[in-house]
C-alpha atoms as a PDB file:
ATOM      1  CA  MET A   1      40.149  17.727  24.921  1.00  0.00           C
ATOM      2  CA  PHE A   2      37.515  15.254  24.593  1.00  0.00           C
ATOM      3  CA  PHE A   3      35.258  17.969  22.765  1.00  0.00           C
ATOM      4  CA  ASN A   4      38.122  18.715  20.575  1.00  0.00           C
ATOM      5  CA  LEU A   5      38.732  14.798  19.508  1.00  0.00           C
ATOM      6  CA  ILE A   6      35.119  13.861  18.983  1.00  0.00           C
ATOM      7  CA  THR A   7      34.452  17.294  16.631  1.00  0.00           C
ATOM      8  CA  SER A   8      37.235  16.823  15.044  1.00  0.00           C
ATOM      9  CA  LEU A   9      36.932  12.881  13.801  1.00  0.00           C
ATOM     10  CA  ASN A  10      36.597  12.615  10.052  1.00  0.00           C
ATOM     11  CA  LYS A  11      32.931  13.327   9.695  1.00  0.00           C
ATOM     12  CA  ASN A  12      32.587  10.450   6.890  1.00  0.00           C
ATOM     13  CA  MET A  13      33.927   7.888   8.931  1.00  0.00           C
ATOM     14  CA  PHE A  14      33.090   8.328  12.545  1.00  0.00           C
ATOM     15  CA  LYS A  15      29.352   8.881  13.269  1.00  0.00           C
ATOM     16  CA  PRO A  16      29.990   9.785  17.135  1.00  0.00           C
ATOM     17  CA  ILE A  17      26.692   9.239  19.546  1.00  0.00           C
ATOM     18  CA  VAL A  18      27.847  10.466  22.639  1.00  0.00           C
ATOM     19  CA  LEU A  19      26.232   9.269  26.255  1.00  0.00           C
ATOM     20  CA  CYS A  20      26.947  12.352  29.074  1.00  0.00           C
ATOM     21  CA  SER A  21      24.473  14.500  31.414  1.00  0.00           C
ATOM     22  CA  ASP A  22      22.117  16.210  29.640  1.00  0.00           C
ATOM     23  CA  GLU A  23      22.406  19.628  31.642  1.00  0.00           C
ATOM     24  CA  SER A  24      26.864  19.992  31.752  1.00  0.00           C
ATOM     25  CA  LEU A  25      28.092  22.412  29.855  1.00  0.00           C
ATOM     26  CA  PHE A  26      30.008  19.711  27.743  1.00  0.00           C
ATOM     27  CA  SER A  27      26.690  18.342  26.563  1.00  0.00           C
ATOM     28  CA  LYS A  28      25.637  21.477  25.139  1.00  0.00           C
ATOM     29  CA  MET A  29      29.040  22.158  23.492  1.00  0.00           C
ATOM     30  CA  LEU A  30      28.418  18.601  21.351  1.00  0.00           C
ATOM     31  CA  GLN A  31      24.915  19.467  20.430  1.00  0.00           C
ATOM     32  CA  LYS A  32      25.650  22.951  18.923  1.00  0.00           C
ATOM     33  CA  ALA A  33      28.843  21.403  17.164  1.00  0.00           C
ATOM     34  CA  GLY A  34      25.872  19.368  15.703  1.00  0.00           C
ATOM     35  CA  VAL A  35      26.967  16.288  17.391  1.00  0.00           C
ATOM     36  CA  ARG A  36      24.249  13.717  18.473  1.00  0.00           C
ATOM     37  CA  VAL A  37      24.160  13.191  22.553  1.00  0.00           C
ATOM     38  CA  LEU A  38      22.013  10.863  24.394  1.00  0.00           C
ATOM     39  CA  PRO A  39      21.837  11.923  27.897  1.00  0.00           C
ATOM     40  CA  LEU A  40      23.378   9.971  30.836  1.00  0.00           C
ATOM     41  CA  ASP A  41      23.495  10.790  34.366  1.00  0.00           C
ATOM     42  CA  ILE A  42      25.905   8.430  36.505  1.00  0.00           C
ATOM     43  CA  HIS A  43      24.983   8.802  40.509  1.00  0.00           C
ATOM     44  CA  SER A  44      27.454   6.487  41.924  1.00  0.00           C
ATOM     45  CA  GLN A  45      29.906   3.642  40.562  1.00  0.00           C
ATOM     46  CA  PHE A  46      27.519   1.023  41.027  1.00  0.00           C
ATOM     47  CA  ASP A  47      24.485   3.109  39.282  1.00  0.00           C
ATOM     48  CA  LEU A  48      22.307   0.161  38.041  1.00  0.00           C
ATOM     49  CA  LYS A  49      19.932   2.473  36.551  1.00  0.00           C
ATOM     50  CA  ALA A  50      22.916   3.851  34.730  1.00  0.00           C
ATOM     51  CA  ILE A  51      23.883   0.544  33.176  1.00  0.00           C
ATOM     52  CA  ARG A  52      20.537  -0.622  32.328  1.00  0.00           C
ATOM     53  CA  ARG A  53      19.846   2.815  30.279  1.00  0.00           C
ATOM     54  CA  VAL A  54      23.327   2.223  28.541  1.00  0.00           C
ATOM     55  CA  ILE A  55      22.062  -1.784  27.327  1.00  0.00           C
ATOM     56  CA  LYS A  56      19.042  -0.118  26.468  1.00  0.00           C
ATOM     57  CA  ILE A  57      20.877   2.264  24.316  1.00  0.00           C
ATOM     58  CA  VAL A  58      23.851   0.109  23.148  1.00  0.00           C
ATOM     59  CA  LYS A  59      21.211  -2.242  21.909  1.00  0.00           C
ATOM     60  CA  LEU A  60      19.306  -0.095  20.130  1.00  0.00           C
ATOM     61  CA  GLU A  61      22.063   2.319  18.494  1.00  0.00           C
ATOM     62  CA  THR A  62      24.199  -1.098  17.734  1.00  0.00           C
ATOM     63  CA  PRO A  63      27.579   0.878  17.603  1.00  0.00           C
ATOM     64  CA  SER A  64      30.828  -0.417  15.877  1.00  0.00           C
ATOM     65  CA  ILE A  65      32.458   0.686  18.687  1.00  0.00           C
ATOM     66  CA  ILE A  66      32.540   1.409  22.060  1.00  0.00           C
ATOM     67  CA  HIS A  67      35.197   4.270  24.026  1.00  0.00           C
ATOM     68  CA  CYS A  68      34.607   5.443  27.559  1.00  0.00           C
ATOM     69  CA  LEU A  69      36.238   8.677  28.091  1.00  0.00           C
ATOM     70  CA  GLY A  70      34.634   9.709  31.582  1.00  0.00           C
ATOM     71  CA  GLY A  71      36.994   7.741  34.040  1.00  0.00           C
ATOM     72  CA  GLY A  72      37.155   5.272  36.983  1.00  0.00           C
ATOM     73  CA  ARG A  73      33.274   5.434  37.426  1.00  0.00           C
ATOM     74  CA  ALA A  74      32.268   5.480  33.404  1.00  0.00           C
ATOM     75  CA  ASP A  75      34.679   3.007  33.031  1.00  0.00           C
ATOM     76  CA  PHE A  76      32.735   0.267  35.708  1.00  0.00           C
ATOM     77  CA  ILE A  77      29.427   1.067  33.941  1.00  0.00           C
ATOM     78  CA  ALA A  78      30.971   0.404  30.675  1.00  0.00           C
ATOM     79  CA  ALA A  79      32.639  -2.763  31.984  1.00  0.00           C
ATOM     80  CA  ASN A  80      29.411  -4.203  32.837  1.00  0.00           C
ATOM     81  CA  VAL A  81      27.671  -3.371  29.470  1.00  0.00           C
ATOM     82  CA  ILE A  82      30.136  -4.758  28.066  1.00  0.00           C
ATOM     83  CA  ARG A  83      30.137  -8.165  29.731  1.00  0.00           C
ATOM     84  CA  TYR A  84      26.545  -8.253  29.663  1.00  0.00           C
ATOM     85  CA  LEU A  85      26.656  -7.635  26.287  1.00  0.00           C
ATOM     86  CA  GLY A  86      29.463  -9.136  24.890  1.00  0.00           C
ATOM     87  CA  LEU A  87      31.037  -6.535  22.993  1.00  0.00           C
ATOM     88  CA  LYS A  88      34.343  -6.935  21.424  1.00  0.00           C
ATOM     89  CA  ASN A  89      35.887  -3.364  20.142  1.00  0.00           C
ATOM     90  CA  THR A  90      35.814  -1.725  22.894  1.00  0.00           C
ATOM     91  CA  ILE A  91      38.599   1.044  24.086  1.00  0.00           C
ATOM     92  CA  THR A  92      38.952   3.003  27.344  1.00  0.00           C
ATOM     93  CA  THR A  93      41.268   6.160  27.662  1.00  0.00           C
ATOM     94  CA  VAL A  94      43.167   6.300  30.620  1.00  0.00           C
ATOM     95  CA  ALA A  95      44.485   9.768  32.067  1.00  0.00           C
ATOM     96  CA  VAL A  96      44.505   8.657  35.626  1.00  0.00           C
ATOM     97  CA  PHE A  97      44.265   6.154  38.018  1.00  0.00           C
ATOM     98  CA  PRO A  98      41.185   6.584  40.837  1.00  0.00           C
ATOM     99  CA  GLU A  99      43.691   5.275  43.655  1.00  0.00           C
ATOM    100  CA  ASP A 100      45.787   8.096  43.393  1.00  0.00           C
ATOM    101  CA  TYR A 101      42.478  10.484  44.688  1.00  0.00           C
ATOM    102  CA  ASN A 102      43.253  11.838  48.199  1.00  0.00           C
ATOM    103  CA  VAL A 103      41.228   9.504  50.176  1.00  0.00           C
ATOM    104  CA  HIS A 104      41.750   6.931  52.667  1.00  0.00           C
ATOM    105  CA  LYS A 105      43.949   4.154  52.541  1.00  0.00           C
ATOM    106  CA  ILE A 106      40.829   1.714  52.370  1.00  0.00           C
ATOM    107  CA  LYS A 107      39.446   3.434  49.162  1.00  0.00           C
ATOM    108  CA  LYS A 108      42.327   3.234  47.812  1.00  0.00           C
ATOM    109  CA  ILE A 109      42.497  -0.620  47.485  1.00  0.00           C
ATOM    110  CA  VAL A 110      38.970  -0.776  46.709  1.00  0.00           C
ATOM    111  CA  TYR A 111      39.551   1.988  44.061  1.00  0.00           C
ATOM    112  CA  HIS A 112      41.961  -0.375  42.779  1.00  0.00           C
ATOM    113  CA  ILE A 113      40.177  -3.634  42.676  1.00  0.00           C
ATOM    114  CA  VAL A 114      36.791  -1.868  41.094  1.00  0.00           C
ATOM    115  CA  ASP A 115      39.336  -0.291  38.125  1.00  0.00           C
ATOM    116  CA  ARG A 116      41.196  -3.817  37.443  1.00  0.00           C
ATOM    117  CA  PHE A 117      37.855  -5.195  36.902  1.00  0.00           C
ATOM    118  CA  SER A 118      36.675  -2.536  34.083  1.00  0.00           C
ATOM    119  CA  LYS A 119      40.183  -2.274  33.050  1.00  0.00           C
ATOM    120  CA  ASN A 120      41.124  -5.807  32.547  1.00  0.00           C
ATOM    121  CA  THR A 121      37.628  -5.383  30.100  1.00  0.00           C
ATOM    122  CA  PHE A 122      38.421  -3.450  27.332  1.00  0.00           C
ATOM    123  CA  LYS A 123      39.745  -4.877  24.489  1.00  0.00           C
ATOM    124  CA  LYS A 124      41.905  -1.589  24.172  1.00  0.00           C
ATOM    125  CA  HIS A 125      43.366   1.160  26.131  1.00  0.00           C
ATOM    126  CA  ILE A 126      44.808   4.500  25.187  1.00  0.00           C
ATOM    127  CA  THR A 127      46.526   6.208  27.486  1.00  0.00           C
ATOM    128  CA  VAL A 128      47.596   9.774  27.821  1.00  0.00           C
ATOM    129  CA  SER A 129      51.326   9.270  28.721  1.00  0.00           C
ATOM    130  CA  CYS A 130      53.875   6.572  28.634  1.00  0.00           C
ATOM    131  CA  ALA A 131      53.871   6.298  32.336  1.00  0.00           C
ATOM    132  CA  ILE A 132      50.747   5.247  32.454  1.00  0.00           C
ATOM    133  CA  ASN A 133      51.211   3.414  30.060  1.00  0.00           C
ATOM    134  CA  LYS A 134      53.699   1.368  31.880  1.00  0.00           C
ATOM    135  CA  ARG A 135      51.677   1.318  34.966  1.00  0.00           C
ATOM    136  CA  LEU A 136      48.857   0.037  33.217  1.00  0.00           C
ATOM    137  CA  ILE A 137      51.105  -2.812  32.010  1.00  0.00           C
ATOM    138  CA  SER A 138      52.837  -3.349  35.390  1.00  0.00           C
ATOM    139  CA  GLU A 139      50.064  -2.944  37.823  1.00  0.00           C
ATOM    140  CA  TYR A 140      47.048  -4.209  36.027  1.00  0.00           C
ATOM    141  CA  TYR A 141      48.679  -7.084  34.081  1.00  0.00           C
ATOM    142  CA  ILE A 142      47.194  -5.724  30.829  1.00  0.00           C
ATOM    143  CA  HIS A 143      49.173  -7.160  27.761  1.00  0.00           C
ATOM    144  CA  LYS A 144      51.186  -4.314  25.962  1.00  0.00           C
ATOM    145  CA  ASP A 145      49.636  -5.234  23.012  1.00  0.00           C
ATOM    146  CA  ARG A 146      46.323  -3.655  24.027  1.00  0.00           C
ATOM    147  CA  VAL A 147      47.762  -0.913  24.975  1.00  0.00           C
ATOM    148  CA  VAL A 148      48.647   2.339  23.087  1.00  0.00           C
ATOM    149  CA  THR A 149      49.511   5.789  24.123  1.00  0.00           C
ATOM    150  CA  ILE A 150      48.407   8.833  22.264  1.00  0.00           C
ATOM    151  CA  TYR A 151      49.104  12.328  23.691  1.00  0.00           C
ATOM    152  CA  ASN A 152      46.408  14.743  24.460  1.00  0.00           C
ATOM    153  CA  GLY A 153      46.677  17.320  21.162  1.00  0.00           C
ATOM    154  CA  ILE A 154      45.662  20.604  21.455  1.00  0.00           C
ATOM    155  CA  ASP A 155      44.508  23.320  18.147  1.00  0.00           C
ATOM    156  CA  VAL A 156      47.687  25.500  17.935  1.00  0.00           C
ATOM    157  CA  ASN A 157      45.528  28.071  16.277  1.00  0.00           C
ATOM    158  CA  ILE A 158      43.872  28.948  18.707  1.00  0.00           C
ATOM    159  CA  TYR A 159      46.688  29.026  21.383  1.00  0.00           C
ATOM    160  CA  LYS A 160      49.301  31.259  19.520  1.00  0.00           C
ATOM    161  CA  ALA A 161      51.719  33.998  21.154  1.00  0.00           C
ATOM    162  CA  ASP A 162      51.263  36.422  17.784  1.00  0.00           C
ATOM    163  CA  ARG A 163      47.492  37.545  19.726  1.00  0.00           C
ATOM    164  CA  ASP A 164      46.393  41.098  19.178  1.00  0.00           C
ATOM    165  CA  SER A 165      48.506  42.777  21.610  1.00  0.00           C
ATOM    166  CA  SER A 166      45.747  45.378  22.806  1.00  0.00           C
ATOM    167  CA  LEU A 167      43.979  42.217  24.152  1.00  0.00           C
ATOM    168  CA  ARG A 168      46.988  41.573  26.405  1.00  0.00           C
ATOM    169  CA  SER A 169      46.355  45.321  27.574  1.00  0.00           C
ATOM    170  CA  ILE A 170      42.827  45.084  28.394  1.00  0.00           C
ATOM    171  CA  THR A 171      42.953  41.750  29.642  1.00  0.00           C
ATOM    172  CA  ARG A 172      46.222  43.114  32.026  1.00  0.00           C
ATOM    173  CA  LYS A 173      44.033  46.180  32.813  1.00  0.00           C
ATOM    174  CA  ASP A 174      41.220  44.305  34.382  1.00  0.00           C
ATOM    175  CA  LEU A 175      44.210  42.070  36.426  1.00  0.00           C
ATOM    176  CA  LYS A 176      44.912  45.206  37.889  1.00  0.00           C
ATOM    177  CA  ILE A 177      48.553  44.746  36.256  1.00  0.00           C
ATOM    178  CA  ASP A 178      50.795  47.965  34.825  1.00  0.00           C
ATOM    179  CA  GLY A 179      53.805  47.270  32.551  1.00  0.00           C
ATOM    180  CA  LYS A 180      56.320  47.338  34.723  1.00  0.00           C
ATOM    181  CA  GLU A 181      55.127  44.582  36.967  1.00  0.00           C
ATOM    182  CA  ILE A 182      55.894  40.897  36.096  1.00  0.00           C
ATOM    183  CA  ALA A 183      52.847  38.545  36.105  1.00  0.00           C
ATOM    184  CA  ILE A 184      53.515  34.871  37.126  1.00  0.00           C
ATOM    185  CA  GLY A 185      50.468  32.529  36.508  1.00  0.00           C
ATOM    186  CA  VAL A 186      48.971  29.398  37.507  1.00  0.00           C
ATOM    187  CA  VAL A 187      45.475  28.126  36.120  1.00  0.00           C
ATOM    188  CA  GLY A 188      43.667  24.946  36.950  1.00  0.00           C
ATOM    189  CA  ARG A 189      40.936  23.683  39.658  1.00  0.00           C
ATOM    190  CA  LEU A 190      42.281  24.490  43.450  1.00  0.00           C
ATOM    191  CA  VAL A 191      42.782  21.154  44.571  1.00  0.00           C
ATOM    192  CA  TRP A 192      45.840  19.452  46.253  1.00  0.00           C
ATOM    193  CA  GLU A 193      47.412  17.982  43.426  1.00  0.00           C
ATOM    194  CA  LYS A 194      48.030  21.353  41.926  1.00  0.00           C
ATOM    195  CA  GLY A 195      50.601  22.165  44.651  1.00  0.00           C
ATOM    196  CA  ILE A 196      49.589  25.449  44.473  1.00  0.00           C
ATOM    197  CA  GLU A 197      50.702  26.275  48.148  1.00  0.00           C
ATOM    198  CA  TYR A 198      53.878  26.083  47.474  1.00  0.00           C
ATOM    199  CA  LEU A 199      53.703  28.710  44.707  1.00  0.00           C
ATOM    200  CA  LEU A 200      52.598  30.943  47.417  1.00  0.00           C
ATOM    201  CA  GLU A 201      55.144  30.467  49.577  1.00  0.00           C
ATOM    202  CA  ALA A 202      57.552  30.874  46.813  1.00  0.00           C
ATOM    203  CA  VAL A 203      55.663  34.422  46.291  1.00  0.00           C
ATOM    204  CA  SER A 204      56.537  35.308  49.952  1.00  0.00           C
ATOM    205  CA  MET A 205      60.183  34.586  49.350  1.00  0.00           C
ATOM    206  CA  LEU A 206      60.284  37.327  46.589  1.00  0.00           C
ATOM    207  CA  LYS A 207      58.009  39.733  47.685  1.00  0.00           C
ATOM    208  CA  THR A 208      60.904  41.628  49.214  1.00  0.00           C
ATOM    209  CA  ASN A 209      63.360  41.446  46.323  1.00  0.00           C
ATOM    210  CA  LYS A 210      60.729  41.382  43.822  1.00  0.00           C
ATOM    211  CA  PRO A 211      57.899  43.353  44.899  1.00  0.00           C
ATOM    212  CA  ASN A 212      57.170  44.128  40.898  1.00  0.00           C
ATOM    213  CA  ILE A 213      55.200  40.231  41.055  1.00  0.00           C
ATOM    214  CA  ARG A 214      52.189  39.816  40.699  1.00  0.00           C
ATOM    215  CA  LEU A 215      50.474  36.213  41.399  1.00  0.00           C
ATOM    216  CA  VAL A 216      47.570  35.569  38.903  1.00  0.00           C
ATOM    217  CA  ILE A 217      45.610  32.273  39.952  1.00  0.00           C
ATOM    218  CA  THR A 218      42.872  30.973  37.756  1.00  0.00           C
ATOM    219  CA  GLY A 219      40.417  28.119  38.570  1.00  0.00           C
ATOM    220  CA  GLU A 220      37.831  27.119  41.469  1.00  0.00           C
ATOM    221  CA  GLY A 221      38.094  23.951  43.795  1.00  0.00           C
ATOM    222  CA  PRO A 222      37.605  23.168  47.160  1.00  0.00           C
ATOM    223  CA  LEU A 223      40.437  25.134  48.299  1.00  0.00           C
ATOM    224  CA  LYS A 224      40.437  28.519  46.990  1.00  0.00           C
ATOM    225  CA  ASN A 225      39.435  29.867  50.607  1.00  0.00           C
ATOM    226  CA  LYS A 226      42.064  28.232  52.424  1.00  0.00           C
ATOM    227  CA  LEU A 227      44.633  29.353  49.410  1.00  0.00           C
ATOM    228  CA  VAL A 228      42.965  33.069  50.031  1.00  0.00           C
ATOM    229  CA  SER A 229      43.621  32.897  53.562  1.00  0.00           C
ATOM    230  CA  LEU A 230      47.544  31.277  53.417  1.00  0.00           C
ATOM    231  CA  ALA A 231      48.018  34.302  50.603  1.00  0.00           C
ATOM    232  CA  LYS A 232      46.987  36.535  53.636  1.00  0.00           C
ATOM    233  CA  SER A 233      49.412  34.698  56.507  1.00  0.00           C
ATOM    234  CA  PHE A 234      52.381  35.265  53.878  1.00  0.00           C
ATOM    235  CA  LYS A 235      51.507  38.454  53.372  1.00  0.00           C
ATOM    236  CA  ILE A 236      51.130  38.616  49.661  1.00  0.00           C
ATOM    237  CA  ASP A 237      47.429  38.886  49.260  1.00  0.00           C
ATOM    238  CA  GLY A 238      48.039  42.615  47.473  1.00  0.00           C
ATOM    239  CA  MET A 239      50.372  40.415  45.211  1.00  0.00           C
ATOM    240  CA  CYS A 240      47.695  37.761  44.475  1.00  0.00           C
ATOM    241  CA  LYS A 241      44.697  38.011  41.877  1.00  0.00           C
ATOM    242  CA  PHE A 242      41.993  35.290  42.322  1.00  0.00           C
ATOM    243  CA  THR A 243      40.178  35.403  38.935  1.00  0.00           C
ATOM    244  CA  GLY A 244      37.933  31.924  39.842  1.00  0.00           C
ATOM    245  CA  PHE A 245      36.446  29.997  36.571  1.00  0.00           C
ATOM    246  CA  LYS A 246      37.727  31.312  32.918  1.00  0.00           C
ATOM    247  CA  LYS A 247      36.806  30.134  29.954  1.00  0.00           C
ATOM    248  CA  ASP A 248      38.896  31.666  27.527  1.00  0.00           C
ATOM    249  CA  VAL A 249      42.388  30.175  29.334  1.00  0.00           C
ATOM    250  CA  ALA A 250      43.728  31.455  26.151  1.00  0.00           C
ATOM    251  CA  MET A 251      43.139  35.119  27.065  1.00  0.00           C
ATOM    252  CA  ILE A 252      44.515  34.548  30.650  1.00  0.00           C
ATOM    253  CA  LEU A 253      47.612  32.977  28.889  1.00  0.00           C
ATOM    254  CA  ASP A 254      48.122  35.499  26.746  1.00  0.00           C
ATOM    255  CA  ALA A 255      48.615  38.641  30.093  1.00  0.00           C
ATOM    256  CA  ILE A 256      50.893  36.461  31.960  1.00  0.00           C
ATOM    257  CA  ASP A 257      54.653  36.812  31.520  1.00  0.00           C
ATOM    258  CA  ILE A 258      55.994  33.099  33.308  1.00  0.00           C
ATOM    259  CA  MET A 259      53.493  30.034  33.820  1.00  0.00           C
ATOM    260  CA  ILE A 260      54.209  27.850  37.148  1.00  0.00           C
ATOM    261  CA  ILE A 261      53.083  24.141  36.752  1.00  0.00           C
ATOM    262  CA  PRO A 262      53.626  23.031  41.183  1.00  0.00           C
ATOM    263  CA  SER A 263      51.512  20.296  40.279  1.00  0.00           C
ATOM    264  CA  LEU A 264      52.032  17.257  42.533  1.00  0.00           C
ATOM    265  CA  SER A 265      50.180  14.545  40.316  1.00  0.00           C
ATOM    266  CA  GLU A 266      49.008  14.826  37.050  1.00  0.00           C
ATOM    267  CA  GLY A 267      48.217  12.814  34.093  1.00  0.00           C
ATOM    268  CA  PHE A 268      49.535  14.806  31.119  1.00  0.00           C
ATOM    269  CA  PRO A 269      47.610  18.106  31.681  1.00  0.00           C
ATOM    270  CA  MET A 270      46.575  20.489  29.134  1.00  0.00           C
ATOM    271  CA  ILE A 271      47.563  23.626  30.362  1.00  0.00           C
ATOM    272  CA  VAL A 272      50.930  22.544  29.987  1.00  0.00           C
ATOM    273  CA  LEU A 273      50.862  22.164  26.510  1.00  0.00           C
ATOM    274  CA  GLU A 274      48.380  25.245  25.826  1.00  0.00           C
ATOM    275  CA  SER A 275      51.343  27.814  27.765  1.00  0.00           C
ATOM    276  CA  MET A 276      54.151  25.949  25.615  1.00  0.00           C
ATOM    277  CA  ALA A 277      51.987  26.532  22.317  1.00  0.00           C
ATOM    278  CA  MET A 278      51.689  30.254  23.183  1.00  0.00           C
ATOM    279  CA  ASN A 279      55.562  30.823  23.503  1.00  0.00           C
ATOM    280  CA  LYS A 280      55.382  31.338  27.506  1.00  0.00           C
ATOM    281  CA  PRO A 281      58.740  30.244  29.719  1.00  0.00           C
ATOM    282  CA  ILE A 282      57.400  27.547  32.283  1.00  0.00           C
ATOM    283  CA  ILE A 283      58.591  26.388  34.875  1.00  0.00           C
ATOM    284  CA  ALA A 284      56.978  23.019  36.272  1.00  0.00           C
ATOM    285  CA  THR A 285      57.512  20.054  38.365  1.00  0.00           C
ATOM    286  CA  ASN A 286      59.375  17.038  37.256  1.00  0.00           C
ATOM    287  CA  ILE A 287      56.868  14.575  38.080  1.00  0.00           C
ATOM    288  CA  LYS A 288      55.171  11.764  35.519  1.00  0.00           C
ATOM    289  CA  GLY A 289      53.176  13.037  32.702  1.00  0.00           C
ATOM    290  CA  ILE A 290      54.540  16.672  32.591  1.00  0.00           C
ATOM    291  CA  VAL A 291      58.407  15.289  32.059  1.00  0.00           C
ATOM    292  CA  GLU A 292      57.110  14.059  28.579  1.00  0.00           C
ATOM    293  CA  GLN A 293      55.944  17.137  27.377  1.00  0.00           C
ATOM    294  CA  ILE A 294      59.214  19.587  28.501  1.00  0.00           C
ATOM    295  CA  GLU A 295      62.952  18.894  28.105  1.00  0.00           C
ATOM    296  CA  ASN A 296      64.565  20.680  31.017  1.00  0.00           C
ATOM    297  CA  GLU A 297      66.200  23.787  30.213  1.00  0.00           C
ATOM    298  CA  LYS A 298      65.351  23.412  25.725  1.00  0.00           C
ATOM    299  CA  SER A 299      61.424  23.947  26.364  1.00  0.00           C
ATOM    300  CA  GLY A 300      60.832  24.571  30.149  1.00  0.00           C
ATOM    301  CA  LEU A 301      62.896  24.704  33.373  1.00  0.00           C
ATOM    302  CA  LEU A 302      61.949  21.308  35.713  1.00  0.00           C
ATOM    303  CA  ILE A 303      62.190  21.776  39.579  1.00  0.00           C
ATOM    304  CA  ASN A 304      61.362  19.262  42.667  1.00  0.00           C
ATOM    305  CA  PRO A 305      57.961  18.990  43.490  1.00  0.00           C
ATOM    306  CA  ARG A 306      56.784  20.462  47.101  1.00  0.00           C
ATOM    307  CA  SER A 307      60.048  23.391  46.854  1.00  0.00           C
ATOM    308  CA  PRO A 308      59.045  26.272  46.781  1.00  0.00           C
ATOM    309  CA  ASN A 309      62.863  27.451  47.165  1.00  0.00           C
ATOM    310  CA  GLU A 310      63.534  25.937  43.862  1.00  0.00           C
ATOM    311  CA  ILE A 311      60.538  28.008  42.251  1.00  0.00           C
ATOM    312  CA  ALA A 312      61.574  30.693  43.779  1.00  0.00           C
ATOM    313  CA  ASN A 313      64.867  30.666  42.505  1.00  0.00           C
ATOM    314  CA  ALA A 314      63.558  29.440  38.806  1.00  0.00           C
ATOM    315  CA  ILE A 315      61.040  33.017  38.858  1.00  0.00           C
ATOM    316  CA  GLU A 316      64.349  35.196  40.088  1.00  0.00           C
ATOM    317  CA  GLU A 317      66.277  33.252  37.312  1.00  0.00           C
ATOM    318  CA  LEU A 318      64.179  33.843  34.572  1.00  0.00           C
ATOM    319  CA  ILE A 319      63.214  37.459  35.391  1.00  0.00           C
ATOM    320  CA  ALA A 320      67.025  38.238  35.076  1.00  0.00           C
ATOM    321  CA  ASN A 321      67.322  36.502  32.074  1.00  0.00           C
ATOM    322  CA  PRO A 322      64.645  37.817  29.452  1.00  0.00           C
ATOM    323  CA  LEU A 323      66.647  36.429  26.230  1.00  0.00           C
ATOM    324  CA  LYS A 324      66.404  33.025  28.108  1.00  0.00           C
ATOM    325  CA  ALA A 325      63.064  32.978  28.736  1.00  0.00           C
ATOM    326  CA  LYS A 326      61.804  34.536  25.288  1.00  0.00           C
ATOM    327  CA  LYS A 327      63.895  31.385  24.013  1.00  0.00           C
ATOM    328  CA  LEU A 328      61.959  28.822  26.204  1.00  0.00           C
ATOM    329  CA  GLY A 329      59.008  29.815  25.081  1.00  0.00           C
ATOM    330  CA  ILE A 330      60.062  29.598  21.199  1.00  0.00           C
ATOM    331  CA  GLU A 331      61.081  25.839  21.773  1.00  0.00           C
ATOM    332  CA  ALA A 332      58.242  24.636  23.884  1.00  0.00           C
ATOM    333  CA  ARG A 333      55.374  26.107  20.824  1.00  0.00           C
ATOM    334  CA  LYS A 334      57.884  24.307  18.489  1.00  0.00           C
ATOM    335  CA  LYS A 335      57.629  21.124  20.113  1.00  0.00           C
ATOM    336  CA  VAL A 336      53.774  21.141  20.884  1.00  0.00           C
ATOM    337  CA  VAL A 337      53.297  21.851  17.018  1.00  0.00           C
ATOM    338  CA  LYS A 338      55.725  18.936  16.302  1.00  0.00           C
ATOM    339  CA  ASP A 339      54.612  16.564  18.793  1.00  0.00           C
ATOM    340  CA  PHE A 340      51.470  17.667  20.444  1.00  0.00           C
ATOM    341  CA  SER A 341      48.666  18.936  17.804  1.00  0.00           C
ATOM    342  CA  LEU A 342      44.994  18.261  17.757  1.00  0.00           C
ATOM    343  CA  GLU A 343      45.913  17.462  14.284  1.00  0.00           C
ATOM    344  CA  LYS A 344      47.809  14.048  15.477  1.00  0.00           C
ATOM    345  CA  MET A 345      46.166  13.504  18.423  1.00  0.00           C
ATOM    346  CA  VAL A 346      42.954  12.990  16.230  1.00  0.00           C
ATOM    347  CA  ALA A 347      44.646  10.994  12.966  1.00  0.00           C
ATOM    348  CA  ASP A 348      46.479   8.583  15.709  1.00  0.00           C
ATOM    349  CA  THR A 349      42.651   7.874  17.371  1.00  0.00           C
ATOM    350  CA  GLU A 350      41.113   7.185  13.963  1.00  0.00           C
ATOM    351  CA  ARG A 351      44.036   4.617  13.506  1.00  0.00           C
ATOM    352  CA  VAL A 352      43.154   3.248  16.968  1.00  0.00           C
ATOM    353  CA  TYR A 353      39.246   2.888  15.680  1.00  0.00           C
ATOM    354  CA  LEU A 354      40.365   1.263  12.333  1.00  0.00           C
ATOM    355  CA  SER A 355      42.176  -0.827  13.499  1.00  0.00           C
ATOM    356  CA  LEU A 356      39.344  -2.882  16.106  1.00  0.00           C
ATOM    357  CA  VAL A 357      36.859  -2.642  13.354  1.00  0.00           C
ATOM    358  CA  GLN A 358      39.234  -4.420  10.677  1.00  0.00           C
ATOM    359  CA  SER A 359      40.738  -6.866  13.025  1.00  0.00           C
END
């Protein structure tokens, strides 16, 4: 999302300079796109070397706007620079709160204190959902005039349903999915927040009545071995395909029939928008963020988190009602084009930039 934002800004008005790890894929992609990148490695929340380097760069480059897009750690580094130099035109994008991480209670308290210090330093806050907007105001005591919600946007010309049908056939063949089998997909990091274990349990409930289901799990993460073992314990390992990380998400989405988002915690997940743009019928949990993307029974089906029974029932419903599944996918695409396009996100962000420099 950040790559698309940075590379889509009006080049006659904005000249972005990005500070990030020089060895990262993100850096290489930006440089290839002609964006100026300056190396910055942040090794910890309190990395004094990183703070000194950012101070040096800001003094040399004298940017009109500082926009922090790197989360809690980067926010803290930027906050110290902002306070030290007395910078005014500063923005942070808030997609998740550090204290929501799956860590010890004491760490959560520390994260919250540090994050409140950081967030209150910035003049403007862009939140990726209304839920985060409200929380920033109520829990961080930031005035509502300093907070604006700009939804993540995607390039709807890349994620679209009318791709070459032969590519779908090739991908399904690579995944060992034949024409009569129904591909259920989940895409994301294999971490606790994604709730994938509940999807595995749901598939285990369907293995007798719906033996033609194939579950495609795309992504890497610390829970991969645990999830593979869980699939074996449920005796569904033959129905599951762990693809690992895939750069071309659209290719995977093209190959599947139903998309599942069993998440327990999210900001404003891009994979939901990408799936919607490709006309996929979606079953997702009714958690904050996602409920701003999907309207239940219109652009997808919403279920309660941690509920394998509801996932299984929803899958059965869509398999039994292909016309309903198709209609949900069509409506999902319409909503993305209307509310979550890349063009809208970029235009809204540019307005925030201009409001800062003109104030």
